[in-house]
Structure formats: structure tokens, C-alpha cells
């Protein structure tokens, strides 16, 4: 497997984990959101009881993604854009 394929797999896993924690934190993602959008939602939406650890984990995952992007770029790869899709509305 090439380095590029390794990075693609790592980004896919990391992005899935970020999406999972966005859902756990109940962030109101109403349109496709990137890292900056997610960070803004974290600042604007206070966590509910019991969400603090999940919010901290989400922030750590976002930092990890920045580090992985930097590493991929340094190796000559173009990292995929992080886009979190809106949550389905529960009616």
C-alpha cells in the first residue's frame, strides 16, 4: 500500500470518529460543516451535563486531524477536506 493509500485510510477513520463525536455532542449541524464550522459550533453551543469529556475528545480529534493534514502535505499528499454532513432530524 502506498503512503497515499495509508493517509486516505487514516483520514477516513479519523473523519468517521469526528462525525461520531459531533453527534454525541449534539452539535446542530444543519449544513455540511468543515473543521472551522465545527469549532465554531463547539464555542457557540454549551455542552449539556455529561458531554464535557466528549467535547474534549472532539477538540482533540480536530487537532489530530490538523496534525495529520500537515504530515500528509509534508509528504507531498493532498489531504481530503473534512466535511461533516447534517444530522437527520428526529421528528
PDB file of N, CA and C in Angstrom:
ATOM      1  N   UNK A   1       0.848  -1.171   0.000  1.00  0.00           N
ATOM      2  CA  UNK A   1       0.000   0.000   0.000  1.00  0.00           C
ATOM      3  C   UNK A   1       0.895   1.235   0.000  1.00  0.00           C
ATOM      4  N   UNK A   2       0.571   2.195  -0.817  1.00  0.00           N
ATOM      5  CA  UNK A   2       1.378   3.414  -0.884  1.00  0.00           C
ATOM      6  C   UNK A   2       1.075   4.307   0.308  1.00  0.00           C
ATOM      7  N   UNK A   3       1.936   5.285   0.532  1.00  0.00           N
ATOM      8  CA  UNK A   3       1.710   6.244   1.603  1.00  0.00           C
ATOM      9  C   UNK A   3       0.402   6.985   1.432  1.00  0.00           C
ATOM     10  N   UNK A   4       0.054   7.289   0.178  1.00  0.00           N
ATOM     11  CA  UNK A   4      -1.197   7.995  -0.092  1.00  0.00           C
ATOM     12  C   UNK A   4      -2.390   7.167   0.356  1.00  0.00           C
ATOM     13  N   UNK A   5      -2.371   5.865   0.052  1.00  0.00           N
ATOM     14  CA  UNK A   5      -3.474   4.989   0.463  1.00  0.00           C
ATOM     15  C   UNK A   5      -3.548   4.899   1.983  1.00  0.00           C
ATOM     16  N   UNK A   6      -2.404   4.867   2.638  1.00  0.00           N
ATOM     17  CA  UNK A   6      -2.388   4.858   4.102  1.00  0.00           C
ATOM     18  C   UNK A   6      -3.045   6.121   4.649  1.00  0.00           C
ATOM     19  N   UNK A   7      -2.690   7.268   4.070  1.00  0.00           N
ATOM     20  CA  UNK A   7      -3.280   8.520   4.528  1.00  0.00           C
ATOM     21  C   UNK A   7      -4.781   8.545   4.272  1.00  0.00           C
ATOM     22  N   UNK A   8      -5.209   8.073   3.121  1.00  0.00           N
ATOM     23  CA  UNK A   8      -6.643   8.062   2.810  1.00  0.00           C
ATOM     24  C   UNK A   8      -7.398   7.249   3.855  1.00  0.00           C
ATOM     25  N   UNK A   9      -6.858   6.104   4.220  1.00  0.00           N
ATOM     26  CA  UNK A   9      -7.497   5.250   5.227  1.00  0.00           C
ATOM     27  C   UNK A   9      -7.512   5.938   6.590  1.00  0.00           C
ATOM     28  N   UNK A  10      -6.406   6.557   6.960  1.00  0.00           N
ATOM     29  CA  UNK A  10      -6.336   7.254   8.246  1.00  0.00           C
ATOM     30  C   UNK A  10      -7.326   8.415   8.297  1.00  0.00           C
ATOM     31  N   UNK A  11      -7.405   9.183   7.208  1.00  0.00           N
ATOM     32  CA  UNK A  11      -8.362  10.294   7.174  1.00  0.00           C
ATOM     33  C   UNK A  11      -9.795   9.782   7.259  1.00  0.00           C
ATOM     34  N   UNK A  12     -10.097   8.705   6.563  1.00  0.00           N
ATOM     35  CA  UNK A  12     -11.458   8.150   6.590  1.00  0.00           C
ATOM     36  C   UNK A  12     -11.835   7.720   8.008  1.00  0.00           C
ATOM     37  N   UNK A  13     -10.929   7.039   8.690  1.00  0.00           N
ATOM     38  CA  UNK A  13     -11.196   6.602  10.066  1.00  0.00           C
ATOM     39  C   UNK A  13     -11.351   7.796  11.005  1.00  0.00           C
ATOM     40  N   UNK A  14     -10.451   8.752  10.877  1.00  0.00           N
ATOM     41  CA  UNK A  14     -10.484   9.925  11.747  1.00  0.00           C
ATOM     42  C   UNK A  14     -11.748  10.745  11.504  1.00  0.00           C
ATOM     43  N   UNK A  15     -12.112  10.930  10.244  1.00  0.00           N
ATOM     44  CA  UNK A  15     -13.311  11.709   9.929  1.00  0.00           C
ATOM     45  C   UNK A  15     -14.575  11.025  10.444  1.00  0.00           C
ATOM     46  N   UNK A  16     -14.614   9.702  10.390  1.00  0.00           N
ATOM     47  CA  UNK A  16     -15.760   8.965  10.935  1.00  0.00           C
ATOM     48  C   UNK A  16     -15.841   9.160  12.449  1.00  0.00           C
ATOM     49  N   UNK A  17     -14.699   9.147  13.104  1.00  0.00           N
ATOM     50  CA  UNK A  17     -14.667   9.356  14.559  1.00  0.00           C
ATOM     51  C   UNK A  17     -15.100  10.781  14.904  1.00  0.00           C
ATOM     52  N   UNK A  18     -14.659  11.757  14.120  1.00  0.00           N
ATOM     53  CA  UNK A  18     -15.078  13.145  14.340  1.00  0.00           C
ATOM     54  C   UNK A  18     -16.592  13.257  14.178  1.00  0.00           C
ATOM     55  N   UNK A  19     -17.143  12.672  13.132  1.00  0.00           N
ATOM     56  CA  UNK A  19     -18.595  12.713  12.911  1.00  0.00           C
ATOM     57  C   UNK A  19     -19.335  12.068  14.084  1.00  0.00           C
ATOM     58  N   UNK A  20     -18.793  10.973  14.596  1.00  0.00           N
ATOM     59  CA  UNK A  20     -19.398  10.286  15.739  1.00  0.00           C
ATOM     60  C   UNK A  20     -19.458  11.213  16.955  1.00  0.00           C
ATOM     61  N   UNK A  21     -18.374  11.904  17.232  1.00  0.00           N
ATOM     62  CA  UNK A  21     -18.345  12.794  18.394  1.00  0.00           C
ATOM     63  C   UNK A  21     -19.163  14.060  18.175  1.00  0.00           C
ATOM     64  N   UNK A  22     -19.279  14.523  16.946  1.00  0.00           N
ATOM     65  CA  UNK A  22     -20.187  15.642  16.657  1.00  0.00           C
ATOM     66  C   UNK A  22     -21.606  15.238  17.047  1.00  0.00           C
ATOM     67  N   UNK A  23     -21.986  14.010  16.720  1.00  0.00           N
ATOM     68  CA  UNK A  23     -23.321  13.509  17.067  1.00  0.00           C
ATOM     69  C   UNK A  23     -23.474  13.350  18.583  1.00  0.00           C
ATOM     70  N   UNK A  24     -22.475  12.790  19.253  1.00  0.00           N
ATOM     71  CA  UNK A  24     -22.538  12.622  20.711  1.00  0.00           C
ATOM     72  C   UNK A  24     -22.697  13.976  21.396  1.00  0.00           C
ATOM     73  N   UNK A  25     -21.999  14.975  20.888  1.00  0.00           N
ATOM     74  CA  UNK A  25     -22.057  16.317  21.476  1.00  0.00           C
ATOM     75  C   UNK A  25     -23.333  17.065  21.089  1.00  0.00           C
ATOM     76  N   UNK A  26     -24.139  16.459  20.234  1.00  0.00           N
ATOM     77  CA  UNK A  26     -25.409  17.047  19.787  1.00  0.00           C
ATOM     78  C   UNK A  26     -25.213  18.442  19.197  1.00  0.00           C
ATOM     79  N   UNK A  27     -24.145  18.597  18.422  1.00  0.00           N
ATOM     80  CA  UNK A  27     -23.920  19.884  17.770  1.00  0.00           C
ATOM     81  C   UNK A  27     -24.919  20.039  16.627  1.00  0.00           C
ATOM     82  N   UNK A  28     -25.539  21.203  16.506  1.00  0.00           N
ATOM     83  CA  UNK A  28     -26.580  21.399  15.496  1.00  0.00           C
ATOM     84  C   UNK A  28     -26.010  21.632  14.093  1.00  0.00           C
ATOM     85  N   UNK A  29     -25.558  20.574  13.469  1.00  0.00           N
ATOM     86  CA  UNK A  29     -25.014  20.666  12.110  1.00  0.00           C
ATOM     87  C   UNK A  29     -26.199  20.681  11.146  1.00  0.00           C
ATOM     88  N   UNK A  30     -26.459  21.842  10.537  1.00  0.00           N
ATOM     89  CA  UNK A  30     -27.612  21.994   9.653  1.00  0.00           C
ATOM     90  C   UNK A  30     -27.226  22.011   8.182  1.00  0.00           C
ATOM     91  N   UNK A  31     -25.943  22.182   7.909  1.00  0.00           N
ATOM     92  CA  UNK A  31     -25.422  22.180   6.541  1.00  0.00           C
ATOM     93  C   UNK A  31     -24.064  21.493   6.605  1.00  0.00           C
ATOM     94  N   UNK A  32     -23.555  21.028   5.476  1.00  0.00           N
ATOM     95  CA  UNK A  32     -22.220  20.423   5.525  1.00  0.00           C
ATOM     96  C   UNK A  32     -21.236  21.348   6.253  1.00  0.00           C
ATOM     97  N   UNK A  33     -20.487  20.778   7.190  1.00  0.00           N
ATOM     98  CA  UNK A  33     -19.617  21.572   8.057  1.00  0.00           C
ATOM     99  C   UNK A  33     -18.176  21.105   7.950  1.00  0.00           C
ATOM    100  N   UNK A  34     -17.258  22.078   7.944  1.00  0.00           N
ATOM    101  CA  UNK A  34     -15.840  21.748   7.955  1.00  0.00           C
ATOM    102  C   UNK A  34     -15.288  21.958   9.366  1.00  0.00           C
ATOM    103  N   UNK A  35     -13.985  21.840   9.516  1.00  0.00           N
ATOM    104  CA  UNK A  35     -13.370  21.945  10.839  1.00  0.00           C
ATOM    105  C   UNK A  35     -13.666  23.285  11.499  1.00  0.00           C
ATOM    106  N   UNK A  36     -13.564  24.368  10.757  1.00  0.00           N
ATOM    107  CA  UNK A  36     -13.816  25.699  11.314  1.00  0.00           C
ATOM    108  C   UNK A  36     -15.260  25.807  11.797  1.00  0.00           C
ATOM    109  N   UNK A  37     -16.192  25.280  11.011  1.00  0.00           N
ATOM    110  CA  UNK A  37     -17.606  25.294  11.407  1.00  0.00           C
ATOM    111  C   UNK A  37     -17.822  24.510  12.698  1.00  0.00           C
ATOM    112  N   UNK A  38     -17.194  23.350  12.799  1.00  0.00           N
ATOM    113  CA  UNK A  38     -17.361  22.509  13.984  1.00  0.00           C
ATOM    114  C   UNK A  38     -16.786  23.207  15.217  1.00  0.00           C
ATOM    115  N   UNK A  39     -15.621  23.829  15.062  1.00  0.00           N
ATOM    116  CA  UNK A  39     -15.030  24.555  16.186  1.00  0.00           C
ATOM    117  C   UNK A  39     -15.945  25.695  16.627  1.00  0.00           C
ATOM    118  N   UNK A  40     -16.560  26.394  15.666  1.00  0.00           N
ATOM    119  CA  UNK A  40     -17.494  27.476  15.997  1.00  0.00           C
ATOM    120  C   UNK A  40     -18.724  26.933  16.723  1.00  0.00           C
ATOM    121  N   UNK A  41     -19.235  25.797  16.276  1.00  0.00           N
ATOM    122  CA  UNK A  41     -20.388  25.191  16.947  1.00  0.00           C
ATOM    123  C   UNK A  41     -20.048  24.794  18.381  1.00  0.00           C
ATOM    124  N   UNK A  42     -18.841  24.307  18.598  1.00  0.00           N
ATOM    125  CA  UNK A  42     -18.416  23.960  19.958  1.00  0.00           C
ATOM    126  C   UNK A  42     -18.402  25.197  20.856  1.00  0.00           C
ATOM    127  N   UNK A  43     -17.939  26.320  20.315  1.00  0.00           N
ATOM    128  CA  UNK A  43     -17.883  27.556  21.104  1.00  0.00           C
ATOM    129  C   UNK A  43     -19.279  28.115  21.369  1.00  0.00           C
ATOM    130  N   UNK A  44     -20.155  28.051  20.381  1.00  0.00           N
ATOM    131  CA  UNK A  44     -21.480  28.683  20.478  1.00  0.00           C
ATOM    132  C   UNK A  44     -22.501  27.851  21.237  1.00  0.00           C
ATOM    133  N   UNK A  45     -22.293  26.564  21.329  1.00  0.00           N
ATOM    134  CA  UNK A  45     -23.277  25.671  21.937  1.00  0.00           C
ATOM    135  C   UNK A  45     -22.692  25.033  23.187  1.00  0.00           C
ATOM    136  N   UNK A  46     -23.119  25.521  24.352  1.00  0.00           N
ATOM    137  CA  UNK A  46     -22.579  24.938  25.584  1.00  0.00           C
ATOM    138  C   UNK A  46     -22.962  23.471  25.703  1.00  0.00           C
ATOM    139  N   UNK A  47     -22.066  22.714  26.267  1.00  0.00           N
ATOM    140  CA  UNK A  47     -22.319  21.287  26.437  1.00  0.00           C
ATOM    141  C   UNK A  47     -23.352  21.025  27.519  1.00  0.00           C
ATOM    142  N   UNK A  48     -24.055  19.940  27.360  1.00  0.00           N
ATOM    143  CA  UNK A  48     -25.018  19.503  28.371  1.00  0.00           C
ATOM    144  C   UNK A  48     -24.270  18.671  29.407  1.00  0.00           C
ATOM    145  N   UNK A  49     -24.946  18.383  30.500  1.00  0.00           N
ATOM    146  CA  UNK A  49     -24.333  17.551  31.543  1.00  0.00           C
ATOM    147  C   UNK A  49     -23.831  16.248  30.944  1.00  0.00           C
ATOM    148  N   UNK A  50     -22.621  15.893  31.298  1.00  0.00           N
ATOM    149  CA  UNK A  50     -22.051  14.637  30.843  1.00  0.00           C
ATOM    150  C   UNK A  50     -21.394  14.695  29.475  1.00  0.00           C
ATOM    151  N   UNK A  51     -21.437  15.843  28.809  1.00  0.00           N
ATOM    152  CA  UNK A  51     -20.848  15.943  27.472  1.00  0.00           C
ATOM    153  C   UNK A  51     -19.426  16.491  27.479  1.00  0.00           C
ATOM    154  N   UNK A  52     -18.947  16.953  28.611  1.00  0.00           N
ATOM    155  CA  UNK A  52     -17.647  17.621  28.631  1.00  0.00           C
ATOM    156  C   UNK A  52     -16.529  16.728  28.105  1.00  0.00           C
ATOM    157  N   UNK A  53     -16.506  15.484  28.520  1.00  0.00           N
ATOM    158  CA  UNK A  53     -15.444  14.588  28.050  1.00  0.00           C
ATOM    159  C   UNK A  53     -15.556  14.366  26.544  1.00  0.00           C
ATOM    160  N   UNK A  54     -16.772  14.216  26.030  1.00  0.00           N
ATOM    161  CA  UNK A  54     -16.961  14.035  24.590  1.00  0.00           C
ATOM    162  C   UNK A  54     -16.523  15.280  23.831  1.00  0.00           C
ATOM    163  N   UNK A  55     -16.810  16.456  24.370  1.00  0.00           N
ATOM    164  CA  UNK A  55     -16.398  17.707  23.720  1.00  0.00           C
ATOM    165  C   UNK A  55     -14.873  17.824  23.695  1.00  0.00           C
ATOM    166  N   UNK A  56     -14.230  17.445  24.796  1.00  0.00           N
ATOM    167  CA  UNK A  56     -12.766  17.473  24.845  1.00  0.00           C
ATOM    168  C   UNK A  56     -12.172  16.480  23.849  1.00  0.00           C
ATOM    169  N   UNK A  57     -12.789  15.319  23.737  1.00  0.00           N
ATOM    170  CA  UNK A  57     -12.324  14.321  22.772  1.00  0.00           C
ATOM    171  C   UNK A  57     -12.482  14.849  21.357  1.00  0.00           C
ATOM    172  N   UNK A  58     -13.608  15.487  21.067  1.00  0.00           N
ATOM    173  CA  UNK A  58     -13.826  16.059  19.736  1.00  0.00           C
ATOM    174  C   UNK A  58     -12.770  17.114  19.427  1.00  0.00           C
ATOM    175  N   UNK A  59     -12.492  17.982  20.374  1.00  0.00           N
ATOM    176  CA  UNK A  59     -11.460  19.000  20.156  1.00  0.00           C
ATOM    177  C   UNK A  59     -10.097  18.357  19.907  1.00  0.00           C
ATOM    178  N   UNK A  60      -9.786  17.303  20.636  1.00  0.00           N
ATOM    179  CA  UNK A  60      -8.515  16.598  20.435  1.00  0.00           C
ATOM    180  C   UNK A  60      -8.468  15.942  19.058  1.00  0.00           C
ATOM    181  N   UNK A  61      -9.592  15.381  18.609  1.00  0.00           N
ATOM    182  CA  UNK A  61      -9.641  14.768  17.276  1.00  0.00           C
ATOM    183  C   UNK A  61      -9.438  15.812  16.180  1.00  0.00           C
ATOM    184  N   UNK A  62      -9.985  17.006  16.374  1.00  0.00           N
ATOM    185  CA  UNK A  62      -9.793  18.074  15.388  1.00  0.00           C
ATOM    186  C   UNK A  62      -8.320  18.486  15.322  1.00  0.00           C
ATOM    187  N   UNK A  63      -7.665  18.536  16.462  1.00  0.00           N
ATOM    188  CA  UNK A  63      -6.231  18.850  16.490  1.00  0.00           C
ATOM    189  C   UNK A  63      -5.436  17.732  15.819  1.00  0.00           C
ATOM    190  N   UNK A  64      -5.801  16.492  16.106  1.00  0.00           N
ATOM    191  CA  UNK A  64      -5.135  15.354  15.472  1.00  0.00           C
ATOM    192  C   UNK A  64      -5.274  15.429  13.956  1.00  0.00           C
ATOM    193  N   UNK A  65      -6.441  15.845  13.482  1.00  0.00           N
ATOM    194  CA  UNK A  65      -6.644  15.944  12.031  1.00  0.00           C
ATOM    195  C   UNK A  65      -5.735  17.013  11.427  1.00  0.00           C
ATOM    196  N   UNK A  66      -5.598  18.141  12.108  1.00  0.00           N
ATOM    197  CA  UNK A  66      -4.691  19.188  11.630  1.00  0.00           C
ATOM    198  C   UNK A  66      -3.273  18.631  11.529  1.00  0.00           C
ATOM    199  N   UNK A  67      -2.852  17.891  12.541  1.00  0.00           N
ATOM    200  CA  UNK A  67      -1.504  17.305  12.527  1.00  0.00           C
ATOM    201  C   UNK A  67      -1.342  16.302  11.389  1.00  0.00           C
ATOM    202  N   UNK A  68      -2.370  15.483  11.153  1.00  0.00           N
ATOM    203  CA  UNK A  68      -2.309  14.506  10.064  1.00  0.00           C
ATOM    204  C   UNK A  68      -2.293  15.209   8.706  1.00  0.00           C
ATOM    205  N   UNK A  69      -3.073  16.288   8.573  1.00  0.00           N
ATOM    206  CA  UNK A  69      -3.055  17.069   7.330  1.00  0.00           C
ATOM    207  C   UNK A  69      -1.656  17.619   7.069  1.00  0.00           C
ATOM    208  N   UNK A  70      -1.050  18.177   8.101  1.00  0.00           N
ATOM    209  CA  UNK A  70       0.296  18.748   7.969  1.00  0.00           C
ATOM    210  C   UNK A  70       1.295  17.680   7.543  1.00  0.00           C
ATOM    211  N   UNK A  71       1.227  16.523   8.184  1.00  0.00           N
ATOM    212  CA  UNK A  71       2.136  15.425   7.846  1.00  0.00           C
ATOM    213  C   UNK A  71       1.930  14.970   6.402  1.00  0.00           C
ATOM    214  N   UNK A  72       0.679  14.839   5.983  1.00  0.00           N
ATOM    215  CA  UNK A  72       0.388  14.398   4.613  1.00  0.00           C
ATOM    216  C   UNK A  72       0.936  15.402   3.601  1.00  0.00           C
ATOM    217  N   UNK A  73       0.734  16.682   3.871  1.00  0.00           N
ATOM    218  CA  UNK A  73       1.226  17.725   2.962  1.00  0.00           C
ATOM    219  C   UNK A  73       2.748  17.687   2.887  1.00  0.00           C
ATOM    220  N   UNK A  74       3.396  17.513   4.035  1.00  0.00           N
ATOM    221  CA  UNK A  74       4.861  17.432   4.054  1.00  0.00           C
ATOM    222  C   UNK A  74       5.374  16.248   3.242  1.00  0.00           C
ATOM    223  N   UNK A  75       4.578  15.188   3.139  1.00  0.00           N
ATOM    224  CA  UNK A  75       4.946  14.004   2.362  1.00  0.00           C
ATOM    225  C   UNK A  75       4.519  14.129   0.898  1.00  0.00           C
ATOM    226  N   UNK A  76       3.955  15.280   0.531  1.00  0.00           N
ATOM    227  CA  UNK A  76       3.568  15.511  -0.858  1.00  0.00           C
ATOM    228  C   UNK A  76       2.172  15.039  -1.220  1.00  0.00           C
ATOM    229  N   UNK A  77       1.325  14.773  -0.225  1.00  0.00           N
ATOM    230  CA  UNK A  77      -0.036  14.311  -0.478  1.00  0.00           C
ATOM    231  C   UNK A  77      -1.029  15.436  -0.216  1.00  0.00           C
ATOM    232  N   UNK A  78      -2.143  15.393  -0.907  1.00  0.00           N
ATOM    233  CA  UNK A  78      -3.206  16.366  -0.700  1.00  0.00           C
ATOM    234  C   UNK A  78      -4.270  15.730   0.192  1.00  0.00           C
ATOM    235  N   UNK A  79      -4.432  16.213   1.426  1.00  0.00           N
ATOM    236  CA  UNK A  79      -5.424  15.603   2.310  1.00  0.00           C
ATOM    237  C   UNK A  79      -6.844  15.916   1.851  1.00  0.00           C
ATOM    238  N   UNK A  80      -7.767  14.978   2.070  1.00  0.00           N
ATOM    239  CA  UNK A  80      -9.158  15.250   1.720  1.00  0.00           C
ATOM    240  C   UNK A  80      -9.741  16.286   2.677  1.00  0.00           C
ATOM    241  N   UNK A  81     -10.714  17.015   2.200  1.00  0.00           N
ATOM    242  CA  UNK A  81     -11.375  18.016   3.025  1.00  0.00           C
ATOM    243  C   UNK A  81     -12.281  17.326   4.044  1.00  0.00           C
ATOM    244  N   UNK A  82     -12.291  17.835   5.258  1.00  0.00           N
ATOM    245  CA  UNK A  82     -13.198  17.324   6.285  1.00  0.00           C
ATOM    246  C   UNK A  82     -14.551  17.982   6.080  1.00  0.00           C
ATOM    247  N   UNK A  83     -15.563  17.189   5.813  1.00  0.00           N
ATOM    248  CA  UNK A  83     -16.932  17.687   5.691  1.00  0.00           C
ATOM    249  C   UNK A  83     -17.834  16.760   6.501  1.00  0.00           C
ATOM    250  N   UNK A  84     -18.488  17.329   7.494  1.00  0.00           N
ATOM    251  CA  UNK A  84     -19.451  16.586   8.303  1.00  0.00           C
ATOM    252  C   UNK A  84     -20.839  16.932   7.782  1.00  0.00           C
ATOM    253  N   UNK A  85     -21.607  15.907   7.473  1.00  0.00           N
ATOM    254  CA  UNK A  85     -22.943  16.118   6.914  1.00  0.00           C
ATOM    255  C   UNK A  85     -23.942  16.391   8.031  1.00  0.00           C
ATOM    256  N   UNK A  86     -25.028  17.102   7.700  1.00  0.00           N
ATOM    257  CA  UNK A  86     -26.059  17.383   8.710  1.00  0.00           C
ATOM    258  C   UNK A  86     -26.654  16.103   9.272  1.00  0.00           C
ATOM    259  N   UNK A  87     -27.083  16.195  10.523  1.00  0.00           N
ATOM    260  CA  UNK A  87     -27.755  15.068  11.182  1.00  0.00           C
ATOM    261  C   UNK A  87     -29.181  14.974  10.662  1.00  0.00           C
ATOM    262  N   UNK A  88     -29.696  13.765  10.526  1.00  0.00           N
ATOM    263  CA  UNK A  88     -31.120  13.651  10.197  1.00  0.00           C
ATOM    264  C   UNK A  88     -31.941  14.183  11.372  1.00  0.00           C
ATOM    265  N   UNK A  89     -32.997  14.872  11.054  1.00  0.00           N
ATOM    266  CA  UNK A  89     -33.847  15.439  12.106  1.00  0.00           C
ATOM    267  C   UNK A  89     -34.778  14.371  12.639  1.00  0.00           C
ATOM    268  N   UNK A  90     -34.877  14.309  13.950  1.00  0.00           N
ATOM    269  CA  UNK A  90     -35.818  13.380  14.590  1.00  0.00           C
ATOM    270  C   UNK A  90     -37.125  14.119  14.825  1.00  0.00           C
ATOM    271  N   UNK A  91     -38.179  13.653  14.220  1.00  0.00           N
ATOM    272  CA  UNK A  91     -39.486  14.304  14.396  1.00  0.00           C
ATOM    273  C   UNK A  91     -40.389  13.451  15.239  1.00  0.00           C
TER     274      UNK A  91
END
